Protein backbone atom coordinates (compact mmCIF):
# COMPACT_ATOMS: atom_id res chain seq x y z
CA MET A 1 26.11 -21.83 -1.65
CA SER A 2 27.60 -20.67 1.63
CA ASP A 3 25.32 -21.89 4.42
CA GLN A 4 25.21 -18.44 6.03
CA TYR A 5 23.29 -17.06 3.03
CA CYS A 6 20.69 -19.83 2.99
CA ILE A 7 17.12 -18.68 3.72
CA ASP A 8 16.07 -20.66 6.77
CA ARG A 9 12.49 -19.45 7.21
CA LEU A 10 10.02 -16.73 6.30
CA ASP A 11 7.82 -15.09 8.94
CA VAL A 12 4.61 -13.38 7.80
CA SER A 13 2.30 -11.07 9.72
CA VAL A 14 -0.68 -8.88 8.74
CA TYR A 15 -1.79 -5.65 10.40
CA THR A 16 -4.83 -3.42 9.81
CA ILE A 17 -4.58 0.24 10.78
CA PRO A 18 -7.71 2.43 10.83
CA THR A 19 -7.51 5.73 8.97
CA ASP A 20 -7.48 8.91 11.03
CA ALA A 21 -10.72 10.00 9.32
CA PRO A 22 -13.12 8.56 6.70
CA GLU A 23 -11.45 8.59 3.28
CA ALA A 24 -12.64 8.34 -0.30
CA ASP A 25 -11.74 9.25 -3.85
CA GLY A 26 -13.96 9.42 -6.92
CA THR A 27 -14.64 5.68 -7.10
CA LEU A 28 -13.90 4.09 -3.69
CA ALA A 29 -14.24 4.70 0.06
CA TRP A 30 -12.23 3.08 2.88
CA ASP A 31 -11.62 3.36 6.62
CA SER A 32 -8.51 1.22 7.13
CA THR A 33 -5.35 -0.01 5.42
CA SER A 34 -3.79 -3.46 5.81
CA ILE A 35 -0.08 -4.19 5.55
CA VAL A 36 1.56 -7.59 5.05
CA VAL A 37 5.02 -7.82 6.63
CA VAL A 38 7.55 -10.46 5.57
CA GLU A 39 10.72 -11.25 7.54
CA PRO A 40 13.24 -13.66 6.00
CA HIS A 41 15.79 -15.30 8.32
CA THR A 42 19.12 -16.61 7.09
CA ARG A 43 21.15 -19.38 8.70
CA GLY A 44 23.85 -16.78 9.22
CA GLY A 45 21.60 -14.94 11.66
CA ILE A 46 20.47 -12.05 9.46
CA THR A 47 16.79 -11.07 9.53
CA GLY A 48 15.33 -8.85 6.81
CA LEU A 49 12.11 -6.91 6.39
CA GLY A 50 9.76 -6.22 3.53
CA TYR A 51 6.09 -5.51 3.13
CA ALA A 52 3.27 -4.61 0.81
CA PHE A 53 -0.22 -3.25 1.30
CA GLY A 54 -2.77 -6.06 1.03
CA ASP A 55 -5.26 -8.04 3.09
CA THR A 56 -5.02 -11.36 4.95
CA ALA A 57 -5.38 -13.34 1.71
CA THR A 58 -2.02 -11.91 0.62
CA GLY A 59 -0.39 -13.18 3.81
CA THR A 60 -2.08 -16.56 3.44
CA LEU A 61 -0.73 -16.98 -0.08
CA ILE A 62 2.79 -16.20 1.12
CA ARG A 63 2.56 -18.69 4.00
CA ASP A 64 0.87 -21.47 2.02
CA MET A 65 2.77 -21.24 -1.25
CA LEU A 66 5.55 -18.70 -1.65
CA ALA A 67 7.46 -19.42 1.57
CA SER A 68 8.24 -22.98 0.50
CA VAL A 69 9.41 -21.66 -2.89
CA VAL A 70 12.10 -19.39 -1.42
CA VAL A 71 13.17 -21.19 1.79
CA GLY A 72 16.43 -23.04 1.18
CA ARG A 73 17.58 -20.64 -1.53
CA ASP A 74 20.62 -18.37 -1.44
CA ILE A 75 19.46 -14.91 -0.33
CA ARG A 76 21.79 -13.35 -2.91
CA ASP A 77 19.91 -14.98 -5.80
CA THR A 78 16.96 -12.60 -5.81
CA THR A 79 16.16 -13.00 -9.50
CA ALA A 80 16.05 -16.80 -9.26
CA ALA A 81 13.73 -16.58 -6.25
CA TRP A 82 11.48 -14.11 -8.10
CA GLU A 83 11.26 -16.32 -11.19
CA ALA A 84 10.41 -19.33 -9.04
CA MET A 85 7.62 -17.44 -7.28
CA VAL A 86 6.13 -16.29 -10.59
CA ARG A 87 6.17 -19.86 -11.91
CA SER A 88 4.51 -21.14 -8.74
CA ILE A 89 1.41 -18.93 -9.11
CA ARG A 90 0.78 -19.71 -12.79
CA ASN A 91 -2.63 -21.29 -12.17
CA LEU A 92 -3.71 -18.54 -9.76
CA GLY A 93 -3.21 -15.69 -12.19
CA ARG A 94 -0.60 -12.98 -12.06
CA PRO A 95 -2.57 -9.74 -11.33
CA GLY A 96 -3.92 -8.84 -7.91
CA ILE A 97 -3.13 -10.79 -4.77
CA SER A 98 -0.49 -13.00 -6.40
CA SER A 99 1.63 -10.06 -7.54
CA THR A 100 1.20 -8.25 -4.23
CA ALA A 101 2.33 -11.35 -2.34
CA ILE A 102 5.36 -11.77 -4.61
CA ALA A 103 6.13 -8.07 -4.09
CA ALA A 104 6.18 -8.37 -0.29
CA VAL A 105 8.56 -11.34 -0.46
CA ASP A 106 10.77 -9.88 -3.20
CA ILE A 107 11.20 -6.61 -1.30
CA ALA A 108 12.03 -8.55 1.86
CA LEU A 109 14.62 -10.66 0.02
CA TRP A 110 16.31 -7.57 -1.42
CA ASP A 111 16.35 -5.96 2.02
CA THR A 112 17.90 -9.09 3.55
CA LYS A 113 20.46 -9.32 0.74
CA ALA A 114 21.55 -5.74 1.46
CA ARG A 115 21.68 -6.44 5.20
CA CYS A 116 23.94 -9.41 4.56
CA ALA A 117 26.27 -7.01 2.75
CA ASP A 118 25.82 -4.45 5.56
CA GLN A 119 24.88 -1.85 2.94
CA PRO A 120 21.85 0.39 2.39
CA LEU A 121 19.69 -1.04 -0.36
CA PHE A 122 20.12 1.88 -2.76
CA ARG A 123 23.90 1.25 -2.75
CA VAL A 124 23.42 -2.44 -3.53
CA LEU A 125 20.99 -1.62 -6.35
CA GLY A 126 23.33 0.97 -7.88
CA ALA A 127 21.91 4.45 -7.44
CA ALA A 128 21.77 7.29 -9.94
CA ARG A 129 20.96 9.76 -7.14
CA ASP A 130 20.98 9.83 -3.34
CA ALA A 131 17.63 11.62 -2.86
CA VAL A 132 14.28 11.55 -4.68
CA PRO A 133 11.73 14.37 -5.04
CA ILE A 134 8.26 13.73 -3.63
CA TYR A 135 4.79 15.17 -3.92
CA GLY A 136 2.33 15.34 -1.04
CA SER A 137 -0.76 13.23 -1.71
CA GLY A 138 -4.09 13.08 0.10
CA GLY A 139 -6.88 15.62 -0.19
CA PHE A 140 -9.63 13.01 -0.06
CA THR A 141 -13.12 13.78 -1.31
CA THR A 142 -14.47 13.13 2.20
CA TYR A 143 -12.42 15.99 3.65
CA SER A 144 -14.06 19.27 4.45
CA GLU A 145 -12.72 22.15 2.38
CA GLN A 146 -10.87 23.43 5.44
CA ARG A 147 -9.13 20.13 6.11
CA LEU A 148 -8.31 19.81 2.43
CA VAL A 149 -6.59 23.18 2.17
CA ASP A 150 -4.89 22.80 5.55
CA GLN A 151 -3.33 19.48 4.51
CA LEU A 152 -2.08 20.56 1.09
CA ALA A 153 -0.96 24.03 2.18
CA GLY A 154 0.75 22.39 5.15
CA TRP A 155 2.88 20.26 2.85
CA VAL A 156 3.82 23.29 0.77
CA GLY A 157 4.74 25.09 3.98
CA GLN A 158 7.01 22.19 4.90
CA GLY A 159 8.95 22.60 1.64
CA ILE A 160 7.13 20.09 -0.58
CA PRO A 161 6.59 22.11 -3.77
CA ARG A 162 4.00 19.82 -5.39
CA VAL A 163 0.75 18.42 -3.94
CA LYS A 164 -2.13 16.23 -5.15
CA MET A 165 -5.82 16.09 -4.26
CA LYS A 166 -8.65 13.68 -5.06
CA ILE A 167 -11.44 14.73 -7.41
CA GLY A 168 -14.23 12.95 -9.32
CA THR A 169 -16.62 13.26 -6.37
CA ASP A 170 -19.66 10.95 -6.71
CA ARG A 171 -18.08 9.28 -9.76
CA GLY A 172 -17.95 12.61 -11.55
CA ALA A 173 -21.53 13.70 -10.85
CA SER A 174 -20.39 16.46 -8.47
CA TRP A 175 -17.88 18.00 -10.88
CA GLN A 176 -18.83 21.54 -9.86
CA GLN A 177 -17.74 20.73 -6.32
CA ASP A 178 -14.44 19.50 -7.73
CA ILE A 179 -13.89 22.89 -9.38
CA GLU A 180 -14.68 24.76 -6.18
CA ARG A 181 -12.29 22.62 -4.13
CA ILE A 182 -9.49 22.95 -6.68
CA GLY A 183 -9.93 26.72 -6.61
CA ALA A 184 -9.75 26.76 -2.83
CA VAL A 185 -6.54 24.72 -2.84
CA ARG A 186 -4.88 26.91 -5.46
CA ALA A 187 -5.69 30.01 -3.42
CA ALA A 188 -4.23 28.36 -0.30
CA ILE A 189 -0.97 27.02 -1.77
CA GLY A 190 -0.11 30.05 -3.91
CA ALA A 191 0.81 30.34 -7.54
CA ASP A 192 4.26 28.74 -7.41
CA ALA A 193 3.43 25.30 -5.99
CA GLU A 194 2.53 22.56 -8.49
CA LEU A 195 -1.05 21.30 -8.17
CA TYR A 196 -1.96 17.74 -9.18
CA VAL A 197 -5.43 16.15 -9.34
CA ASP A 198 -6.46 12.48 -9.33
CA ALA A 199 -9.91 11.39 -10.57
CA ASN A 200 -9.30 7.64 -10.05
CA GLY A 201 -11.13 6.96 -13.31
CA ALA A 202 -14.33 8.70 -12.22
CA TYR A 203 -14.92 10.81 -15.37
CA ASP A 204 -15.88 9.83 -18.90
CA ARG A 205 -13.85 11.04 -21.88
CA THR A 206 -16.03 14.13 -22.49
CA GLN A 207 -15.90 15.21 -18.85
CA GLY A 208 -12.18 14.55 -18.71
CA ARG A 209 -11.47 16.76 -21.72
CA ARG A 210 -13.80 19.60 -20.70
CA LEU A 211 -12.75 19.67 -17.05
CA GLY A 212 -9.07 19.06 -17.76
CA LEU A 213 -8.94 22.22 -19.87
CA ARG A 214 -10.55 24.22 -17.07
CA PHE A 215 -8.23 22.74 -14.45
CA ALA A 216 -5.17 23.72 -16.49
CA GLU A 217 -6.29 27.13 -17.70
CA GLU A 218 -8.03 28.44 -14.58
CA PHE A 219 -6.00 26.84 -11.79
CA GLY A 220 -2.66 25.89 -13.31
CA VAL A 221 -3.15 22.15 -12.67
CA SER A 222 -0.21 20.33 -14.27
CA TRP A 223 -0.98 16.65 -13.53
CA PHE A 224 -4.28 14.85 -14.29
CA GLU A 225 -4.19 11.31 -12.97
CA GLU A 226 -6.63 8.75 -14.32
CA PRO A 227 -9.11 11.21 -15.83
CA VAL A 228 -10.80 8.08 -17.20
CA SER A 229 -10.36 4.44 -16.27
CA SER A 230 -6.81 3.18 -16.63
CA ASP A 231 -8.29 0.34 -18.71
CA ASP A 232 -9.40 2.89 -21.32
CA LEU A 233 -6.08 3.27 -23.12
CA THR A 234 -7.71 4.90 -26.14
CA GLY A 235 -9.43 7.47 -23.93
CA LEU A 236 -6.24 8.23 -22.04
CA ALA A 237 -4.34 8.68 -25.32
CA GLN A 238 -7.03 11.02 -26.68
CA LEU A 239 -6.97 13.13 -23.54
CA ARG A 240 -3.19 13.19 -23.58
CA GLU A 241 -3.32 14.72 -27.06
CA ALA A 242 -6.09 17.18 -26.15
CA LEU A 243 -4.94 18.50 -22.77
CA PRO A 244 -2.08 20.90 -21.89
CA LEU A 245 -1.05 18.96 -18.78
CA ASP A 246 0.42 15.58 -17.89
CA VAL A 247 -2.03 12.70 -18.21
CA THR A 248 -0.86 9.89 -15.93
CA ALA A 249 -1.83 6.35 -14.93
CA GLY A 250 -0.35 2.94 -14.14
CA GLU A 251 -0.83 2.36 -10.42
CA TYR A 252 -2.95 -0.75 -11.06
CA GLY A 253 -0.25 -2.45 -13.10
CA TYR A 254 0.78 -5.87 -11.79
CA ASP A 255 3.11 -7.11 -14.53
CA LEU A 256 5.45 -5.81 -17.18
CA VAL A 257 3.07 -6.53 -20.06
CA TYR A 258 0.45 -4.18 -18.59
CA PHE A 259 2.93 -1.30 -18.58
CA GLU A 260 4.21 -2.14 -22.05
CA ARG A 261 0.67 -1.97 -23.44
CA MET A 262 0.06 1.40 -21.78
CA LEU A 263 3.27 2.81 -23.19
CA GLU A 264 2.71 1.36 -26.66
CA ALA A 265 -0.74 2.99 -26.71
CA GLY A 266 0.79 6.40 -26.00
CA ALA A 267 -1.66 6.64 -23.11
CA VAL A 268 0.40 8.58 -20.57
CA ASP A 269 2.85 11.44 -20.28
CA VAL A 270 4.16 9.93 -17.03
CA LEU A 271 3.82 6.26 -16.12
CA GLN A 272 3.12 5.31 -12.50
CA ALA A 273 4.22 2.00 -11.00
CA ASP A 274 3.83 0.60 -7.49
CA VAL A 275 6.64 -1.65 -6.23
CA GLY A 276 4.20 -3.23 -3.77
CA ARG A 277 1.82 -4.23 -6.56
CA CYS A 278 3.98 -5.04 -9.58
CA ALA A 279 5.71 -8.01 -7.93
CA GLY A 280 8.45 -6.11 -6.15
CA ILE A 281 11.78 -4.50 -6.86
CA THR A 282 12.79 -7.04 -9.49
CA GLU A 283 9.84 -6.20 -11.77
CA TRP A 284 9.68 -2.49 -10.88
CA LEU A 285 13.21 -1.97 -12.23
CA ARG A 286 12.17 -3.68 -15.46
CA VAL A 287 9.23 -1.27 -15.70
CA ALA A 288 11.65 1.63 -15.24
CA SER A 289 13.80 0.32 -18.09
CA THR A 290 10.74 -0.09 -20.31
CA CYS A 291 9.81 3.53 -19.60
CA ALA A 292 13.31 4.60 -20.55
CA ALA A 293 13.03 2.74 -23.85
CA HIS A 294 9.81 4.67 -24.54
CA GLN A 295 11.35 8.01 -23.49
CA THR A 296 8.72 8.30 -20.75
CA PRO A 297 9.23 9.48 -17.16
CA LEU A 298 8.33 7.15 -14.29
CA SER A 299 6.69 8.10 -10.99
CA ALA A 300 6.54 5.81 -7.93
CA HIS A 301 3.00 5.25 -6.63
CA CYS A 302 2.48 5.54 -2.85
CA GLY A 303 4.44 3.39 -0.34
CA GLN A 304 7.15 6.03 0.00
CA SER A 305 9.29 3.96 2.39
CA LEU A 306 9.16 1.04 -0.05
CA HIS A 307 10.22 3.25 -2.94
CA ALA A 308 12.83 5.51 -1.33
CA HIS A 309 15.75 3.21 -2.17
CA VAL A 310 14.69 1.69 -5.50
CA ALA A 311 13.57 5.10 -6.82
CA CYS A 312 17.18 6.29 -6.52
CA VAL A 313 18.13 3.93 -9.36
CA PRO A 314 16.33 4.99 -12.61
CA PRO A 315 17.60 8.21 -14.23
CA ASN A 316 14.09 8.72 -15.69
CA LEU A 317 12.38 8.75 -12.26
CA ARG A 318 10.39 11.94 -11.73
CA HIS A 319 9.23 11.58 -8.11
CA ILE A 320 7.62 9.48 -5.37
CA GLU A 321 4.05 9.91 -4.17
CA TYR A 322 4.22 10.80 -0.46
CA PHE A 323 0.82 9.40 0.52
CA HIS A 324 -0.86 10.52 3.74
CA ASP A 325 -2.08 7.07 4.84
CA HIS A 326 1.25 5.36 4.26
CA ALA A 327 3.25 8.12 5.94
CA ARG A 328 1.06 7.67 9.00
CA ILE A 329 1.50 3.87 8.95
CA ASP A 330 5.27 4.29 8.58
CA GLN A 331 5.37 6.31 11.79
CA ILE A 332 3.19 3.82 13.68
CA MET A 333 4.95 0.66 12.52
CA PHE A 334 8.62 1.36 11.86
CA ASP A 335 11.74 2.95 13.22
CA GLY A 336 13.80 4.53 10.47
CA ALA A 337 10.90 5.93 8.43
CA LEU A 338 12.17 8.89 6.43
CA THR A 339 11.07 12.48 6.95
CA PRO A 340 10.86 14.77 3.90
CA ILE A 341 13.64 17.33 3.67
CA ASP A 342 13.34 20.14 1.12
CA GLY A 343 10.71 18.22 -0.81
CA SER A 344 12.74 15.00 -1.10
CA LEU A 345 13.38 11.70 0.64
CA ARG A 346 17.01 10.78 1.24
CA PRO A 347 17.70 7.14 2.15
CA ALA A 348 19.93 6.70 5.16
CA ASP A 349 23.50 5.77 4.25
CA ASP A 350 24.24 4.35 7.70
CA ARG A 351 21.40 1.77 7.94
CA PRO A 352 21.49 -1.50 5.98
CA GLY A 353 18.69 -2.60 3.68
CA LEU A 354 15.60 -0.41 3.65
CA GLY A 355 16.74 1.06 6.95
CA LEU A 356 13.51 0.07 8.69
CA THR A 357 12.90 -1.80 11.93
CA LEU A 358 9.47 -3.12 12.91
CA ARG A 359 8.32 -1.72 16.25
CA ARG A 360 6.63 -4.90 17.42
CA ALA A 361 5.07 -3.56 20.60
CA ASP A 362 3.49 -0.63 18.75
CA ALA A 363 2.38 -2.80 15.83
CA GLU A 364 0.91 -5.66 17.87
CA PRO A 365 -2.46 -4.02 18.68
CA TYR A 366 -3.13 -3.83 14.94
CA ARG A 367 -2.18 -7.43 14.15
CA ILE A 368 -4.91 -9.54 12.57
CA ALA A 369 -2.90 -12.54 11.30
């Protein structure tokens, strides 16, 4: 190993950014988002950047366990570092915080590897395209109807031809309100824009089938995300067969086996995977390959700046979720955050790695660890 590629240390910091308004979906409410930033340093003087969305426990796990696993390794050996991290958390369990922590480090290592080569990450990974379609995502159940339609119609006006809103209000009890809000959005965005809805598992199978038919037939909804819990693979598969729209799920997947089970069950028309949850770029690309083997499209869940480069790789990638909260955090925290152009994100070809730089002075007021 050339000494210049040796990982000398790993810096970890955690920031919590309040939302710009109270937010909720069908099954959860929140008022802030935390981000765990990882910065590897090589002996050759290169510093990289990666992150994932998770709380202080995620940062603690990286500092106390994962840092010692990767320090001293060759930055170019990303797969070896990933395998070592996965082995190290065997007794902690793979889903949840462990996978999120591995993701933050893995993304940071890939970014640093690309910086050492002075290349944008999508070039190092081997891209199939140089831009990725997006859909605007927000439309929280806490929004007034006016704010809801203004946000989604605003994205359509900016050239994003597909938008998604939250439904399942009060865990499905206020389904009539869901119908009214969907109708208001369709009237605001026009007939040509694609309209997606996300219940976050708030409905039961009967509600999902009955409402899904109405959403498709009356409002032209083409994407029904988690109509029932993503753990209910049988229910998802039944709804997929019954409904004339795409039934989708997968954002809570933390390892390859989870996604394989979902695909084997025939549970989704489009699989979703989050690079910041499923243990980083190394595992996310395996998920993409598994989707390809099952002839199933893949969509990247949230974290648009994390996905912009890796999403250029799989030919079966449909789009990236351009999530309101994460777009706002990108602008607060980083230089180099991408702006949608004609409904797509195009990674910069003149910036190495992810193309992001942490704005420390702007981020510092939000630092909690």
